[in-house]
Protein backbone atom coordinates (compact mmCIF):
# COMPACT_ATOMS: atom_id res chain seq x y z
CA MET A 1 -29.06 16.49 -10.13
CA GLN A 2 -30.57 13.35 -12.36
CA THR A 3 -31.95 14.66 -15.69
CA ALA A 4 -35.55 14.12 -16.03
CA GLY A 5 -35.92 12.74 -19.60
CA LEU A 6 -37.16 9.62 -21.04
CA TYR A 7 -34.02 8.50 -22.91
CA THR A 8 -31.57 10.13 -20.54
CA GLY A 9 -32.82 10.33 -17.14
CA LEU A 10 -35.71 9.63 -14.38
CA ALA A 11 -38.35 9.37 -16.61
CA GLY A 12 -36.78 6.36 -18.58
CA ILE A 13 -35.93 4.74 -15.22
CA GLY A 14 -39.33 5.35 -13.68
CA PHE A 15 -40.72 3.58 -16.96
CA VAL A 16 -38.36 0.47 -16.76
CA LEU A 17 -39.10 0.35 -12.91
CA HIS A 18 -42.71 0.23 -13.22
CA GLU A 19 -42.74 -2.40 -16.25
CA THR A 20 -40.42 -4.55 -14.19
CA TYR A 21 -42.73 -4.26 -11.05
CA VAL A 22 -45.83 -5.42 -13.34
CA ALA A 23 -43.80 -8.33 -14.47
CA THR A 24 -42.30 -9.43 -11.27
CA GLY A 25 -44.83 -8.24 -8.64
CA ASP A 26 -41.51 -6.91 -7.19
CA THR A 27 -42.67 -3.97 -4.68
CA ARG A 28 -39.15 -2.78 -4.66
CA TYR A 29 -39.45 -1.55 -8.34
CA ARG A 30 -42.61 -0.17 -7.80
CA ASP A 31 -41.25 1.86 -5.07
CA GLY A 32 -39.03 2.92 -7.50
CA ALA A 33 -41.16 4.23 -9.95
CA ARG A 34 -42.92 6.19 -7.52
CA ARG A 35 -39.76 7.84 -6.21
CA ALA A 36 -38.91 8.37 -9.91
CA VAL A 37 -42.02 10.41 -10.17
CA THR A 38 -41.67 12.12 -6.84
CA ARG A 39 -38.07 13.56 -7.94
CA ILE A 40 -39.44 14.80 -11.52
CA HIS A 41 -41.90 16.63 -9.87
CA GLU A 42 -39.60 18.28 -7.64
CA GLN A 43 -37.29 19.15 -10.15
CA ALA A 44 -40.10 20.74 -12.35
CA ARG A 45 -39.84 24.47 -12.60
CA GLU A 46 -43.00 26.82 -13.71
CA VAL A 47 -42.84 28.33 -17.20
CA GLY A 48 -45.76 30.35 -17.96
CA ALA A 49 -48.53 28.26 -17.35
CA GLY A 50 -46.97 25.05 -17.39
CA VAL A 51 -43.46 23.76 -16.29
CA GLU A 52 -40.62 22.17 -17.94
CA TRP A 53 -37.59 20.45 -16.60
CA ILE A 54 -35.04 21.22 -19.31
CA ASP A 55 -34.89 24.23 -22.25
CA SER A 56 -35.17 21.42 -24.61
CA THR A 57 -38.68 20.10 -25.50
CA ASP A 58 -37.68 17.00 -27.76
CA ILE A 59 -39.27 13.53 -26.79
CA LEU A 60 -36.10 11.59 -25.90
CA SER A 61 -33.96 13.77 -23.37
CA GLY A 62 -36.25 17.08 -23.24
CA SER A 63 -39.68 17.89 -21.31
CA ALA A 64 -42.32 16.18 -23.84
CA GLY A 65 -40.67 12.80 -22.86
CA THR A 66 -40.75 13.64 -19.38
CA GLY A 67 -44.30 14.73 -19.90
CA LEU A 68 -45.41 11.26 -21.80
CA PHE A 69 -44.05 9.68 -19.10
CA LEU A 70 -45.98 11.16 -16.36
CA ILE A 71 -48.84 10.60 -18.86
CA TYR A 72 -48.26 6.73 -18.40
CA ALA A 73 -47.41 7.50 -14.77
CA ALA A 74 -51.29 8.72 -14.31
CA ASP A 75 -52.54 6.06 -16.09
CA ARG A 76 -50.90 2.92 -14.82
CA MET A 77 -49.84 3.90 -10.94
CA GLU A 78 -52.15 4.28 -8.64
CA LYS A 79 -50.79 6.20 -5.55
CA LEU A 80 -47.42 8.06 -5.04
CA LEU A 81 -45.78 8.46 -1.55
CA VAL A 82 -45.51 11.76 -0.43
CA GLY A 83 -44.24 13.79 2.66
CA ASN A 84 -44.84 12.44 5.94
CA GLY A 85 -45.59 9.06 4.77
CA HIS A 86 -49.09 10.09 3.34
CA THR A 87 -50.11 8.83 -0.05
CA VAL A 88 -51.89 10.38 -2.85
CA PRO A 89 -53.16 9.55 -6.49
CA VAL A 90 -50.28 10.04 -9.15
CA LEU A 91 -53.17 11.74 -11.40
CA TRP A 92 -53.29 14.66 -8.95
CA ILE A 93 -49.51 15.89 -9.67
CA VAL A 94 -50.02 14.94 -13.20
CA THR A 95 -52.59 15.98 -14.48
CA PRO A 96 -53.00 19.12 -14.15
CA ILE A 97 -49.19 19.31 -14.11
CA THR A 98 -49.38 23.04 -12.29
CA VAL A 99 -51.23 21.66 -9.63
CA TRP A 100 -48.36 21.27 -7.00
CA ILE A 101 -48.85 19.26 -3.41
CA THR A 102 -49.29 21.91 -1.04
CA GLY A 103 -48.15 19.63 2.33
CA VAL A 104 -51.98 19.46 3.32
CA ASP A 105 -53.06 16.05 4.05
CA PRO A 106 -55.64 15.15 1.56
CA ILE A 107 -56.69 12.05 3.09
């Protein structure tokens, strides 16, 4: 399983892919960034009133960096591909992070 961290995992990969999409307009990079957000969402585990991806809370490899990327994604990415080819706003996954996609078609 790929870690979710900003420096060492999916959050960093997603950030670089989205910035590359912005610079080049190549939709393959946008799609890769969206997949990173989806995988991060799938790897989240509920803890108390929130979620985490790893026991560490540091900015580079822990949940803080992952959360920072998700805030970036909510601000910069418009839609996210989910099951059955449907799209939802990234914001639905990120804010609040404890709201989970239920499989119900929101469109």
